[in-house]
Protein backbone atom coordinates (compact mmCIF):
# COMPACT_ATOMS: atom_id res chain seq x y z
CA MET A 1 47.13 187.58 101.85
CA THR A 2 43.98 185.08 102.23
CA GLU A 3 44.11 183.17 105.38
CA ASN A 4 44.12 179.14 105.54
CA LEU A 5 40.96 178.05 107.57
CA SER A 6 41.47 174.81 106.54
CA LYS A 7 44.71 173.86 109.06
CA PRO A 8 44.16 174.54 112.55
CA GLY A 9 46.23 176.77 114.81
CA LEU A 10 48.54 175.38 117.15
CA MET A 11 46.04 176.20 120.53
CA ILE A 12 43.54 174.53 119.08
CA ARG A 13 45.62 171.36 118.18
CA ILE A 14 46.87 171.02 121.83
CA ALA A 15 43.15 171.70 122.99
CA ASP A 16 42.11 168.85 120.71
CA LEU A 17 45.01 166.35 121.82
CA MET A 18 44.01 166.85 125.87
CA TYR A 19 40.35 166.61 125.26
CA ARG A 20 40.61 163.29 123.64
CA ALA A 21 43.35 162.01 126.70
CA LEU A 22 40.38 163.25 129.01
CA LYS A 23 37.97 161.20 126.96
CA ALA A 24 39.85 158.45 126.97
CA ALA A 25 41.22 158.29 130.67
CA ILE A 26 37.54 158.69 131.41
CA ARG A 27 36.76 155.79 129.40
CA ARG A 28 39.56 153.84 130.74
CA TRP A 29 39.39 155.03 134.33
CA TYR A 30 40.74 152.05 135.78
CA ILE A 31 43.94 151.76 133.84
CA THR A 32 44.68 155.54 135.24
CA ILE A 33 43.75 154.11 138.52
CA VAL A 34 46.45 151.43 138.29
CA LEU A 35 49.36 153.67 136.64
CA VAL A 36 48.39 156.35 139.63
CA LEU A 37 48.76 153.36 142.13
CA LEU A 38 51.79 152.12 140.63
CA LEU A 39 53.78 155.27 140.22
CA SER A 40 52.93 156.11 144.14
CA ALA A 41 54.35 152.26 145.27
CA LEU A 42 57.57 152.68 143.26
CA PRO A 43 59.41 154.04 146.20
CA PHE A 44 57.80 152.06 148.56
CA LEU A 45 58.90 148.91 146.41
CA ILE A 46 61.99 149.76 145.68
CA THR A 47 62.82 150.15 149.04
CA GLU A 48 61.10 146.91 150.37
CA TRP A 49 63.62 145.34 147.29
CA LYS A 50 66.48 146.61 148.82
CA LEU A 51 66.01 145.64 152.13
CA ARG A 52 65.35 142.01 150.90
CA GLN A 53 68.25 142.39 149.20
CA PHE A 54 70.12 143.18 152.09
CA GLN A 55 68.71 140.80 154.54
CA LEU A 56 69.71 138.06 152.47
CA ALA A 57 73.25 138.78 152.19
CA ILE A 58 73.37 139.38 156.24
CA ILE A 59 71.72 136.11 156.27
CA GLN A 60 74.24 134.70 153.70
CA LEU A 61 77.20 136.59 155.69
CA LYS A 62 76.11 134.60 158.70
CA LYS A 63 76.25 131.91 156.90
CA ASP A 64 79.59 132.25 155.32
CA ASN A 65 81.03 132.79 158.87
CA PRO A 66 80.10 129.78 160.95
CA GLN A 67 82.86 130.56 163.16
CA ILE A 68 81.16 133.43 164.46
CA LYS A 69 78.41 132.84 167.23
CA ASP A 70 77.73 136.13 168.68
CA TRP A 71 76.79 138.86 166.34
CA SER A 72 75.62 141.46 169.01
CA ALA A 73 78.63 143.51 168.15
CA SER A 74 77.45 144.25 164.94
CA THR A 75 75.19 146.95 163.82
CA ILE A 76 73.55 148.33 160.80
CA ARG A 77 72.02 151.87 160.43
CA THR A 78 71.74 155.03 158.52
CA VAL A 79 74.95 157.14 158.11
CA ASP A 80 75.72 161.27 157.68
CA LEU A 81 79.67 161.42 156.86
CA ALA A 82 79.19 164.86 158.94
CA ASN A 83 78.25 163.24 161.83
CA PRO A 84 79.64 159.91 162.74
CA PHE A 85 78.64 159.98 166.10
CA PRO A 86 74.69 158.62 165.35
CA ARG A 87 72.48 158.68 168.51
CA ASP A 88 71.90 154.75 170.07
CA LYS A 89 68.08 154.86 168.68
CA ASP A 90 69.90 154.54 164.98
CA PHE A 91 71.31 151.31 165.33
CA ILE A 92 69.70 147.72 164.46
CA ASN A 93 71.55 144.66 166.01
CA LEU A 94 72.63 141.99 162.93
CA SER A 95 71.85 139.57 166.04
CA LYS A 96 68.29 140.38 165.56
CA ILE A 97 68.32 139.86 161.27
CA GLY A 98 67.60 136.10 161.03
CA LYS A 99 64.71 134.67 158.97
CA LEU A 100 62.98 136.80 156.20
CA LYS A 101 59.66 137.39 158.68
CA ASP A 102 62.17 139.39 160.82
CA MET A 103 62.54 142.33 157.71
CA ASN A 104 60.58 144.54 160.47
CA SER A 105 63.37 145.02 162.33
CA LEU A 106 64.70 146.77 159.19
CA ASN A 107 61.77 149.11 158.42
CA LYS A 108 63.17 152.03 159.77
CA ILE A 109 66.55 151.97 157.95
CA PHE A 110 66.76 154.58 154.70
CA PHE A 111 68.49 152.90 152.33
CA GLU A 112 70.26 155.62 150.25
CA ASP A 113 73.08 155.89 153.19
CA LEU A 114 74.02 152.75 154.42
CA GLU A 115 76.56 151.76 157.11
CA LEU A 116 77.47 148.26 158.18
CA CYS A 117 79.42 147.61 161.05
CA LEU A 118 81.09 144.33 161.69
CA ARG A 119 83.39 145.64 163.89
CA ASN A 120 84.45 143.16 167.02
CA HIS A 121 84.05 146.21 170.16
CA ASN A 122 82.58 146.43 173.28
CA ILE A 123 78.85 146.11 173.75
CA ASN A 124 77.30 147.19 177.21
CA ALA A 125 80.96 146.73 178.49
CA ARG A 126 81.22 142.99 177.07
CA VAL A 127 83.83 141.73 174.46
CA ILE A 128 82.79 139.88 172.20
CA PRO A 129 85.56 137.08 171.53
CA ASP A 130 86.96 135.36 169.03
CA PHE A 131 85.17 137.75 166.53
CA LYS A 132 86.88 137.08 163.24
CA ILE A 133 84.98 137.88 159.77
CA LYS A 134 86.65 135.76 157.30
CA ASN A 135 84.39 135.74 153.98
CA LEU A 136 82.90 138.81 153.19
CA THR A 137 81.61 137.30 149.77
CA ALA A 138 77.85 138.03 150.64
CA LEU A 139 78.23 141.71 150.68
CA LYS A 140 79.58 141.93 146.98
CA GLY A 141 76.27 143.95 145.08
CA ILE A 142 74.36 145.11 148.04
CA SER A 143 74.03 149.34 148.15
CA LEU A 144 76.57 150.21 150.90
CA LYS A 145 78.03 153.95 151.85
CA SER A 146 79.81 153.13 154.43
CA LEU A 147 81.61 149.86 155.90
CA ASP A 148 83.56 149.50 159.57
CA LEU A 149 85.59 146.35 159.84
CA SER A 150 87.49 147.63 162.49
CA TYR A 151 89.28 144.88 164.40
CA THR A 152 88.03 141.91 162.49
CA ASN A 153 90.82 139.60 161.45
CA ILE A 154 89.86 140.12 157.54
CA SER A 155 92.73 140.14 155.18
CA ASP A 156 91.25 139.61 151.56
CA LEU A 157 89.67 142.77 150.39
CA SER A 158 89.03 141.68 146.76
CA THR A 159 85.14 141.24 147.48
CA LEU A 160 84.72 145.00 147.83
CA LYS A 161 85.88 145.75 144.32
CA GLY A 162 83.71 148.24 142.14
CA MET A 163 81.68 148.84 145.90
CA GLN A 164 80.80 152.60 145.58
CA LEU A 165 82.00 153.38 149.63
CA LYS A 166 82.61 156.62 150.71
CA SER A 167 83.65 155.34 154.38
CA LEU A 168 85.67 152.15 154.94
CA ASP A 169 87.33 151.63 158.06
CA LEU A 170 90.05 148.94 158.26
CA ASN A 171 91.69 149.61 161.61
CA ASP A 172 93.47 146.89 163.78
CA THR A 173 92.74 144.19 160.58
CA GLN A 174 95.35 141.96 158.96
CA VAL A 175 95.08 143.61 155.58
CA GLU A 176 98.18 143.87 153.46
CA ASP A 177 97.11 145.02 150.22
CA ILE A 178 94.50 147.93 149.48
CA SER A 179 94.57 147.52 145.60
CA ALA A 180 90.58 146.20 145.71
CA LEU A 181 90.34 149.55 146.72
CA LYS A 182 91.29 151.51 143.28
CA GLY A 183 88.76 153.74 141.79
CA MET A 184 85.95 154.23 145.11
CA PRO A 185 84.87 157.51 145.73
CA LEU A 186 85.99 157.02 149.33
CA GLU A 187 85.97 160.04 151.15
CA TYR A 188 87.17 158.74 155.01
CA LEU A 189 89.47 155.57 155.16
CA ASN A 190 91.10 154.21 158.25
CA PHE A 191 93.28 151.28 157.57
CA GLY A 192 95.94 152.15 161.10
CA LYS A 193 97.47 149.28 162.33
CA THR A 194 97.76 147.20 159.54
CA HIS A 195 100.18 145.17 157.19
CA VAL A 196 99.77 147.87 154.31
CA THR A 197 102.90 149.55 152.99
CA ASP A 198 101.99 150.48 149.80
CA ILE A 199 99.32 153.58 149.38
CA SER A 200 99.67 153.69 145.37
CA ALA A 201 95.93 152.84 145.12
CA LEU A 202 94.96 155.79 146.66
CA LYS A 203 96.12 158.06 144.06
CA GLY A 204 93.08 160.19 142.58
CA MET A 205 90.74 159.28 145.43
CA PRO A 206 88.28 162.10 146.87
CA LEU A 207 89.20 161.70 150.56
CA THR A 208 88.93 164.18 152.76
CA SER A 209 90.04 162.01 156.06
CA LEU A 210 92.94 159.08 155.90
CA GLY A 211 94.40 157.02 158.62
CA LEU A 212 97.55 155.53 158.42
CA ARG A 213 98.73 155.45 161.94
CA ASN A 214 100.87 152.38 163.39
CA THR A 215 101.89 151.04 159.63
CA GLN A 216 104.87 150.98 157.90
CA VAL A 217 103.80 153.13 155.05
CA SER A 218 107.10 155.78 154.05
CA ASP A 219 106.13 156.56 151.03
CA ILE A 220 103.09 159.22 150.66
CA SER A 221 103.39 160.57 147.23
CA ALA A 222 99.78 159.31 145.93
CA LEU A 223 98.05 161.87 148.22
CA LYS A 224 99.30 164.60 146.13
CA GLY A 225 96.84 166.74 145.11
CA MET A 226 94.21 165.25 147.56
CA PRO A 227 91.42 167.31 148.91
CA LEU A 228 92.43 165.70 152.33
CA GLU A 229 91.43 168.10 155.51
CA ASP A 230 92.43 165.13 158.24
CA LEU A 231 95.88 162.89 158.04
CA ASP A 232 97.12 160.38 160.83
CA LEU A 233 100.83 159.57 160.27
CA TYR A 234 100.98 158.35 163.47
CA ASN A 235 104.18 155.90 164.40
CA THR A 236 104.70 155.84 160.48
CA GLN A 237 108.17 155.12 158.43
CA VAL A 238 107.54 158.80 156.91
CA GLU A 239 110.15 160.94 156.74
CA ASP A 240 109.41 163.28 153.31
CA ILE A 241 106.15 164.89 153.56
CA SER A 242 106.93 167.25 150.36
CA ALA A 243 103.41 165.74 149.04
CA LEU A 244 101.48 167.82 151.31
CA LYS A 245 102.55 170.98 149.91
CA GLY A 246 99.88 173.24 149.03
CA MET A 247 96.62 170.90 150.76
CA GLN A 248 93.81 172.24 152.69
CA LEU A 249 94.88 170.10 155.85
CA GLN A 250 93.52 171.27 159.21
CA GLU A 251 94.48 168.17 161.53
CA LEU A 252 97.92 166.83 160.86
CA ASN A 253 99.77 164.09 163.28
CA PHE A 254 102.94 163.10 162.74
CA ARG A 255 103.74 161.73 166.33
CA ASP A 256 107.00 159.66 166.28
CA THR A 257 107.57 159.65 162.76
CA GLN A 258 111.06 160.70 161.02
CA VAL A 259 109.87 164.07 159.93
CA LYS A 260 112.20 166.89 159.89
CA ASP A 261 111.02 169.43 157.74
CA ILE A 262 108.07 171.05 158.13
CA THR A 263 108.43 173.95 155.63
CA PRO A 264 105.81 172.23 152.87
CA LEU A 265 103.12 172.85 155.75
CA LYS A 266 103.41 176.95 155.24
CA GLY A 267 100.29 178.57 154.24
CA MET A 268 98.00 175.51 155.44
CA PRO A 269 94.76 176.07 157.07
CA LEU A 270 95.91 174.06 159.86
CA VAL A 271 94.03 174.59 163.25
CA LYS A 272 95.62 171.19 164.80
CA LEU A 273 99.31 169.83 164.35
CA ILE A 274 101.27 167.22 166.37
CA LEU A 275 104.92 167.45 165.87
CA ALA A 276 105.38 165.56 169.34
CA ASN A 277 108.50 162.85 169.74
CA THR A 278 109.60 164.06 166.25
CA PRO A 279 113.25 165.20 165.40
CA VAL A 280 111.68 168.59 164.46
CA SER A 281 113.92 171.85 165.57
CA ASP A 282 113.37 174.46 163.38
CA ILE A 283 109.59 175.86 163.26
CA ASN A 284 109.61 178.80 161.02
CA GLY A 285 107.47 176.73 158.53
CA LEU A 286 104.20 176.69 160.98
CA LYS A 287 104.62 181.07 160.89
CA GLY A 288 101.00 182.45 160.19
CA LEU A 289 99.17 179.38 160.87
CA PRO A 290 95.60 179.69 162.35
CA LEU A 291 96.82 177.01 164.97
CA LYS A 292 94.41 176.20 167.95
CA SER A 293 96.35 173.37 169.14
CA LEU A 294 100.18 172.32 169.03
CA TRP A 295 102.22 169.38 170.19
CA LEU A 296 105.87 170.23 170.39
CA ASN A 297 106.79 167.82 173.23
CA ASP A 298 109.99 165.48 172.68
CA THR A 299 111.42 167.81 170.06
CA LYS A 300 114.34 169.55 169.57
CA VAL A 301 112.71 172.96 169.63
CA SER A 302 114.44 175.45 171.74
CA ASP A 303 113.16 178.85 169.64
CA ILE A 304 109.17 179.25 169.71
CA ASN A 305 109.23 183.22 168.18
CA ALA A 306 107.23 181.60 165.09
CA LEU A 307 104.32 180.99 167.46
CA LYS A 308 103.80 184.72 168.15
CA GLY A 309 100.28 185.95 167.26
CA MET A 310 98.96 182.61 166.53
CA PRO A 311 95.35 181.82 168.33
CA LEU A 312 96.18 179.02 170.25
CA LYS A 313 94.13 177.27 173.11
CA ASN A 314 96.67 174.23 173.73
CA LEU A 315 99.97 174.23 173.39
CA TYR A 316 102.80 171.46 174.64
CA LEU A 317 105.87 172.24 175.08
CA ASN A 318 107.52 169.56 177.66
CA ASN A 319 110.79 167.92 177.09
CA THR A 320 111.63 170.80 174.94
CA GLN A 321 114.73 172.87 174.96
CA VAL A 322 112.81 175.58 174.90
CA SER A 323 113.67 178.28 177.94
CA ASP A 324 111.84 181.58 176.82
CA ILE A 325 107.89 181.92 176.21
CA SER A 326 107.33 185.67 175.84
CA PRO A 327 106.37 184.77 172.30
CA LEU A 328 103.03 183.31 174.01
CA LYS A 329 102.07 186.96 175.49
CA ASP A 330 98.17 187.81 174.91
CA MET A 331 97.66 184.14 173.56
CA PRO A 332 93.92 182.73 174.75
CA LEU A 333 95.92 179.67 176.00
CA LYS A 334 93.68 177.05 177.99
CA GLU A 335 96.14 174.39 178.26
CA LEU A 336 99.97 174.88 178.62
CA PHE A 337 102.55 172.30 179.25
CA ILE A 338 105.71 173.00 180.18
CA VAL A 339 107.16 170.63 182.39
CA ASN A 340 110.80 169.28 182.32
CA THR A 341 111.83 172.36 180.50
CA GLU A 342 114.76 175.21 181.73
CA ILE A 343 111.84 177.70 181.62
CA SER A 344 111.79 179.86 184.68
CA ASP A 345 110.24 183.04 183.93
CA ILE A 346 106.32 182.16 184.03
CA SER A 347 105.37 186.14 184.29
CA ILE A 348 103.98 186.21 180.55
CA LEU A 349 101.06 184.03 181.89
CA LYS A 350 99.42 186.45 183.84
CA GLY A 351 96.00 187.30 182.72
CA MET A 352 95.89 184.23 179.80
CA PRO A 353 92.23 181.88 180.60
CA LEU A 354 94.39 178.91 181.46
CA ILE A 355 92.60 175.85 182.71
CA ARG A 356 95.22 173.39 182.84
CA LEU A 357 98.96 173.86 183.25
CA LYS A 358 102.06 171.57 184.10
CA ILE A 359 104.83 173.89 185.11
CA PRO A 360 108.81 172.53 185.53
CA LYS A 361 110.99 172.69 188.30
CA ALA A 362 112.67 176.00 187.19
CA ALA A 363 109.79 177.77 187.28
CA GLU A 364 110.09 180.91 189.65
CA ASN A 365 107.68 183.48 191.04
CA ILE A 366 104.82 181.51 190.85
CA GLU A 367 102.53 183.22 193.81
CA PHE A 368 100.59 185.14 191.13
CA LEU A 369 98.92 181.84 189.69
CA ARG A 370 97.06 181.97 192.67
CA SER A 371 94.88 184.68 191.50
CA MET A 372 94.03 182.69 188.58
CA LYS A 373 90.73 182.22 188.82
CA THR A 374 90.12 180.08 185.63
CA LEU A 375 92.82 177.87 186.82
CA GLU A 376 91.40 174.00 187.92
CA ASP A 377 94.38 172.09 187.24
CA ILE A 378 98.19 172.47 187.86
CA ASN A 379 100.87 170.13 187.50
CA SER A 380 97.82 167.09 187.47
CA LYS A 381 96.89 168.20 190.59
CA SER A 382 93.49 170.25 191.47
CA ALA A 383 94.13 174.08 192.14
CA THR A 384 93.37 173.68 195.27
CA ASP A 385 95.59 170.24 196.33
CA PHE A 386 98.51 171.75 194.68
CA TRP A 387 97.93 174.85 196.56
CA LYS A 388 98.19 172.66 200.00
CA TYR A 389 100.84 170.93 198.42
CA TYR A 390 102.98 173.68 197.67
CA ASP A 391 102.60 175.51 200.90
CA PHE A 392 103.27 172.16 202.58
CA ILE A 393 106.25 171.62 200.64
CA THR A 394 107.89 174.96 200.46
CA PRO A 395 109.02 175.49 203.91
CA ILE A 396 110.43 171.77 203.93
CA LEU A 397 112.56 172.57 200.95
CA LEU A 398 114.07 175.77 202.70
CA GLU A 399 114.97 173.92 205.92
CA LEU A 400 116.37 170.62 203.91
CA LYS A 401 118.66 173.18 201.88
CA LYS A 402 119.60 174.69 204.85
CA ASP A 403 120.72 170.94 206.67
CA ASN A 404 122.04 170.19 203.36
CA PRO A 405 124.91 172.53 202.44
CA GLN A 406 127.09 170.28 200.11
CA ILE A 407 124.55 170.22 198.00
CA LEU A 408 125.32 173.38 196.06
CA ASP A 409 123.13 172.56 193.18
CA TRP A 410 119.81 171.35 193.41
CA LYS A 411 118.78 171.49 189.73
CA ASP A 412 118.09 167.96 189.84
CA LEU A 413 115.69 168.23 192.31
CA ARG A 414 112.56 166.49 192.08
CA ILE A 415 109.91 166.24 194.40
CA LYS A 416 107.32 164.52 193.83
CA GLY A 417 104.08 162.92 196.15
CA ASN A 418 100.84 164.11 197.56
CA LEU A 419 99.73 166.28 200.83
CA ASN A 420 101.29 164.30 203.49
CA SER A 421 103.46 161.91 201.16
CA LEU A 422 106.97 163.09 199.74
CA ASN A 423 109.64 161.44 197.19
CA LEU A 424 112.80 162.58 198.01
CA SER A 425 114.90 159.58 195.96
CA SER A 426 115.94 161.99 193.20
CA ILE A 427 118.11 163.86 195.59
CA SER A 428 121.44 161.26 195.80
CA LYS A 429 123.42 163.48 197.97
CA LEU A 430 120.98 164.03 200.79
CA ASN A 431 121.86 162.88 204.42
CA ASP A 432 120.09 164.81 206.63
CA ILE A 433 116.33 164.76 207.15
CA SER A 434 116.31 166.22 210.77
CA SER A 435 114.30 168.84 209.42
CA LEU A 436 111.32 166.25 208.94
CA LYS A 437 110.79 165.71 212.71
CA GLY A 438 107.10 166.18 213.24
CA ILE A 439 105.74 166.78 209.72
CA PRO A 440 102.76 164.64 209.55
CA LEU A 441 103.60 162.01 206.55
CA THR A 442 101.99 159.38 205.61
CA GLY A 443 104.50 158.13 202.90
CA LEU A 444 108.25 159.12 202.57
CA ASN A 445 110.80 157.89 199.93
CA LEU A 446 114.35 158.33 200.84
CA ARG A 447 115.61 155.44 198.38
CA ASN A 448 118.94 156.54 196.27
CA THR A 449 119.77 158.99 199.18
CA GLN A 450 122.60 158.61 201.75
CA VAL A 451 120.65 159.09 204.90
CA THR A 452 121.89 157.33 207.69
CA ASP A 453 120.07 158.71 210.72
CA ILE A 454 116.33 158.47 210.17
CA SER A 455 115.45 159.12 213.72
CA ALA A 456 113.37 162.07 212.67
CA LEU A 457 110.69 159.80 211.49
CA LYS A 458 109.56 158.74 215.01
CA GLY A 459 105.84 159.19 215.93
CA MET A 460 105.43 159.84 212.53
CA PRO A 461 102.23 157.84 210.93
CA LEU A 462 103.89 156.53 207.98
CA ILE A 463 101.73 153.86 205.90
CA SER A 464 104.49 153.36 203.47
CA LEU A 465 108.57 154.14 203.89
CA GLN A 466 111.49 153.41 201.26
CA ILE A 467 114.78 153.50 203.44
CA PRO A 468 118.23 153.80 201.64
CA LYS A 469 120.92 151.39 202.07
CA THR A 470 123.00 153.63 204.68
CA ALA A 471 120.07 154.10 207.23
CA LYS A 472 120.78 152.83 210.56
CA ASN A 473 119.04 151.81 213.58
CA ILE A 474 115.98 150.92 211.90
CA GLU A 475 114.78 148.77 215.09
CA PHE A 476 112.18 151.45 216.01
CA LEU A 477 110.37 151.57 213.18
CA ARG A 478 108.56 148.32 214.39
CA SER A 479 107.19 150.59 216.94
CA ILE A 480 105.32 152.82 214.38
CA LYS A 481 101.85 150.58 214.13
CA THR A 482 100.34 152.72 211.16
CA LEU A 483 103.37 150.98 208.74
CA LYS A 484 102.38 148.74 206.43
CA ARG A 485 105.00 148.41 204.10
CA ILE A 486 108.46 148.75 203.62
CA ASN A 487 111.27 149.24 200.74
CA GLY A 488 108.07 147.85 198.79
CA ASN A 489 107.50 144.56 200.99
CA GLY A 490 104.68 144.51 203.63
CA ILE A 491 105.52 144.80 206.76
CA ALA A 492 105.55 141.01 208.19
CA PHE A 493 108.06 140.05 205.09
CA PHE A 494 110.17 142.71 205.65
CA TRP A 495 111.17 142.13 209.72
CA LYS A 496 111.07 138.19 208.80
CA ASP A 497 114.15 139.29 206.06
CA TYR A 498 115.58 141.29 207.96
CA GLU A 499 115.85 138.71 211.05
CA HIS A 500 117.48 136.28 208.06
CA PHE A 501 119.91 138.66 207.33
CA LYS A 502 120.88 139.59 211.15
CA SER A 503 121.60 136.43 212.24
CA CYS A 504 123.44 136.10 208.97
CA LEU A 505 125.54 138.92 210.04
CA LEU A 506 125.98 137.47 213.68
CA ASN A 507 127.30 134.04 212.06
CA LEU A 508 129.39 135.73 209.69
CA LYS A 509 130.91 137.65 211.90
CA LYS A 510 131.24 134.46 214.53
CA ASN A 511 133.14 132.52 211.82
CA ASN A 512 135.47 134.82 210.72
CA PRO A 513 137.29 136.43 213.97
CA GLN A 514 140.05 137.59 212.04
CA VAL A 515 137.71 140.92 210.73
CA LYS A 516 137.92 143.49 212.97
CA ASN A 517 136.16 145.99 211.01
CA TRP A 518 132.82 145.37 209.64
CA ASN A 519 131.37 148.82 209.07
CA TYR A 520 131.25 148.36 205.25
CA ILE A 521 128.95 145.58 205.69
CA ASN A 522 125.25 147.22 204.98
CA SER A 523 122.74 145.06 206.88
CA LEU A 524 119.42 147.19 204.58
CA SER A 525 121.51 146.72 201.30
CA GLY A 526 120.47 142.80 201.08
CA ILE A 527 116.64 142.92 202.25
CA PRO A 528 115.27 140.75 201.41
CA LEU A 529 118.59 139.02 200.33
CA THR A 530 118.74 138.06 196.56
CA SER A 531 122.18 138.83 195.63
CA LEU A 532 125.31 137.91 197.31
CA ASN A 533 128.84 139.26 196.66
CA LEU A 534 131.80 137.52 198.19
CA THR A 535 134.32 138.71 195.84
CA GLY A 536 137.40 139.47 197.43
CA THR A 537 137.07 137.45 200.23
CA GLN A 538 138.80 134.05 201.19
CA VAL A 539 135.42 131.75 201.48
CA LYS A 540 135.62 128.64 200.76
CA ASP A 541 132.40 126.79 202.15
CA ILE A 542 129.44 128.57 200.84
CA SER A 543 127.00 125.66 202.77
CA ALA A 544 125.73 128.20 205.27
CA LEU A 545 123.48 129.77 202.37
CA LYS A 546 121.51 126.86 201.82
CA GLY A 547 117.57 127.79 201.86
CA VAL A 548 118.92 131.44 201.12
CA PRO A 549 116.21 132.27 197.68
CA LEU A 550 119.96 133.94 196.01
CA LYS A 551 118.81 134.99 192.41
CA LYS A 552 122.50 136.03 191.83
CA LEU A 553 126.23 134.78 193.61
CA GLN A 554 129.39 136.26 192.95
CA VAL A 555 132.52 134.51 194.49
CA GLY A 556 136.04 135.06 194.77
CA GLY A 557 138.55 136.17 192.23
CA GLY A 558 135.26 137.98 190.62
CA PHE A 559 133.86 134.91 188.75
CA GLN A 560 129.88 134.88 189.03
CA PHE A 561 127.64 131.42 189.24
CA GLU A 562 126.57 131.26 184.91
CA GLY A 563 124.62 128.47 183.97
CA GLY A 564 125.57 125.70 186.54
CA SER A 565 129.35 126.38 186.66
CA LEU A 566 131.66 128.71 189.42
CA ALA A 567 134.47 129.01 186.62
CA SER A 568 138.49 129.34 188.65
CA SER A 569 136.78 129.67 191.77
CA GLU A 570 137.89 128.89 194.81
CA VAL A 571 134.52 127.09 195.89
CA TRP A 572 134.56 123.52 195.43
CA ASP A 573 131.41 122.37 196.98
CA ILE A 574 128.47 123.51 195.41
CA SER A 575 125.95 121.33 196.52
CA SER A 576 124.45 124.12 198.36
CA LEU A 577 123.17 125.95 195.68
CA ARG A 578 120.87 123.35 194.74
CA GLY A 579 117.42 124.98 195.10
CA MET A 580 118.29 128.42 194.23
CA PRO A 581 116.07 130.39 191.91
CA LEU A 582 120.12 131.51 190.31
CA LYS A 583 119.78 133.32 186.95
CA ASP A 584 123.42 134.68 187.20
């Protein structure tokens, strides 16, 4: 076959085209340079345009909200949703953005990922008062990835409709309706402490973090199938959590809800779960979860076998019915709270890397805890202070038990206080404190006990003292020069009222010679005298009460003073009550 030489090949045609283009470029070199410069400057021009658009929006926002005089609480910054805690230097204060000539303050912002923070918060420990954003119209159309309106007075979100926000914080605002958010590509949303009740607008959103705490939301079916990793339902009306089944949640908060059935949590990759103060009693649904932090305090849980083998580091069981913690064996626990439980055997804790520990009053044989070198805090005291107090209080308790054989059950004993301070007010049947003699106490609370003889307190360096109404012969307390307060009152005030009441008692005895036994009269029960009960007496004249700051008065026949009348009483003249701060 003869080759067609009149038709050039493909390579020849391409070479010819390149030659022609090069020839034209040489001939029109200035056009080429202009095109290159324009292409090089295009990113800068786009950024400048966005910058100007944003600044104009901020200026308009300030004009639309003249009620706000101080904008120093608001900032803009580049946002990284994976790192919500930027460095301080990433912030630009809105108070610095005013006239167009101030645009230089925005030059360091990269506008692809921009966050506007209009929240009312503390700046340098200074609260910005009356920061109430009302109008967001100026923001319409500007490119934002993140918007923080928390703690503002905003209620209408219609301006946000159509925005491509990925993060929105509405915490503690006046928002009720979130329908304007429908269809947004939100990944983070927080509208805790708002008036929102209906969250159906969230259906289908790619949310990974959602905060609903302190709202009246009860139905969470709209969340079904979401890629949520963090969900906060604290103090909501939620009871049914079946919509969460199969989710890949890692952190979940049900505190102060009515959630009872937690079986939908089976198989979740949860590492943090808060069930505190819920009616939950059965935790078998948690079996096998990779939990590291778990709050079961203030629940009805009694059996924790489901926790066996978990990698828990933080566990809170206080105020539960748990009595056996053997399932915790070999756990890597660093923090464990088991106060107000019936747990007595804590030997299982040996060898654990515990740092903070709260043990119940029922705990026995706790001496081994001394050898746990990682322990820094025991029962809210440093380990050093705890053992000092333990060594201080243990022998005192042994003596108190010996001196008070009438107390057969010391189960309700709750010893409180610091080193050199002792609170025995919970031992209502206590009547003998002679074993305290010689102990250098600076604080002592005997209120609600039946102690009559407090002479053991002589010589103590007491600063604060609470004595029971049964106490007798208290005059020696005047000689304790360190005393600053008795029964919650300053020392001078206490003795002034004591003398006044003592004088009243002397007058009562003098004016009522027919009464031979005054032992039932308790001089301390009325200091300061704010309440007086004359029920069962034959008193008709109450003129002696003039000037006494009574708040409550009960007279003969069981009738009490109510709203200015003494119904069915034998007392006829009540002029002495004038000026008294009576409440009943």
